[in-house]
Amino acid sequence: MATRGRLRDNVEYLLKSLLARATNHWQTNMPNTVYMDLAPHANQVTHSGI
């Protein structure tokens, strides 16, 4: 049963992210050097909670 919920969550995330990208609500303008610096430390970055 847990797998079914996880699958539903993944499908929901996929649909929301595709919709956001299609409507230009998901845009990231970040220099490659900044991305490469952040990517190895992704588990240390937190969301601002907005």
Protein backbone atom coordinates (compact mmCIF):
# COMPACT_ATOMS: atom_id res chain seq x y z
CA MET A 1 0.00 0.00 0.00
CA ALA A 2 2.88 2.39 0.72
CA THR A 3 4.19 1.86 -2.82
CA ARG A 4 0.86 2.91 -4.31
CA GLY A 5 0.91 6.16 -2.32
CA ARG A 6 4.50 6.81 -3.33
CA LEU A 7 3.63 6.21 -6.99
CA ARG A 8 0.69 8.61 -6.73
CA ASP A 9 2.95 11.23 -5.14
CA ASN A 10 5.52 10.81 -7.92
CA VAL A 11 2.89 11.12 -10.65
CA GLU A 12 1.43 14.18 -8.94
CA TYR A 13 4.89 15.79 -8.73
CA LEU A 14 5.57 15.00 -12.38
CA LEU A 15 2.27 16.52 -13.53
CA LYS A 16 2.72 19.64 -11.40
CA SER A 17 6.29 20.16 -12.55
CA LEU A 18 5.32 19.72 -16.21
CA LEU A 19 2.46 22.19 -15.81
CA ALA A 20 4.77 24.68 -14.09
CA ARG A 21 7.34 24.39 -16.86
CA ALA A 22 4.72 24.62 -19.60
CA THR A 23 3.28 27.82 -18.11
CA ASN A 24 6.73 29.36 -17.41
CA HIS A 25 6.28 29.26 -13.64
CA TRP A 26 9.38 27.11 -13.16
CA GLN A 27 12.36 29.05 -14.40
CA THR A 28 15.83 29.00 -12.99
CA ASN A 29 18.41 31.38 -14.34
CA MET A 30 21.53 30.22 -12.57
CA PRO A 31 25.10 30.30 -13.81
CA ASN A 32 26.61 26.86 -14.26
CA THR A 33 29.35 27.65 -11.72
CA VAL A 34 26.75 28.37 -9.02
CA TYR A 35 24.84 25.18 -9.85
CA MET A 36 27.98 23.07 -9.71
CA ASP A 37 28.79 24.58 -6.32
CA LEU A 38 25.30 23.90 -4.92
CA ALA A 39 24.66 20.45 -6.39
CA PRO A 40 27.22 18.57 -4.22
CA HIS A 41 25.73 20.29 -1.15
CA ALA A 42 22.05 19.87 -2.02
CA ASN A 43 21.28 18.10 1.28
CA GLN A 44 22.52 21.21 3.14
CA VAL A 45 20.29 23.68 1.29
CA THR A 46 16.87 24.43 2.77
CA HIS A 47 13.76 26.07 1.39
CA SER A 48 12.96 29.56 2.60
CA GLY A 49 9.41 28.52 3.52
CA ILE A 50 7.71 31.15 1.39
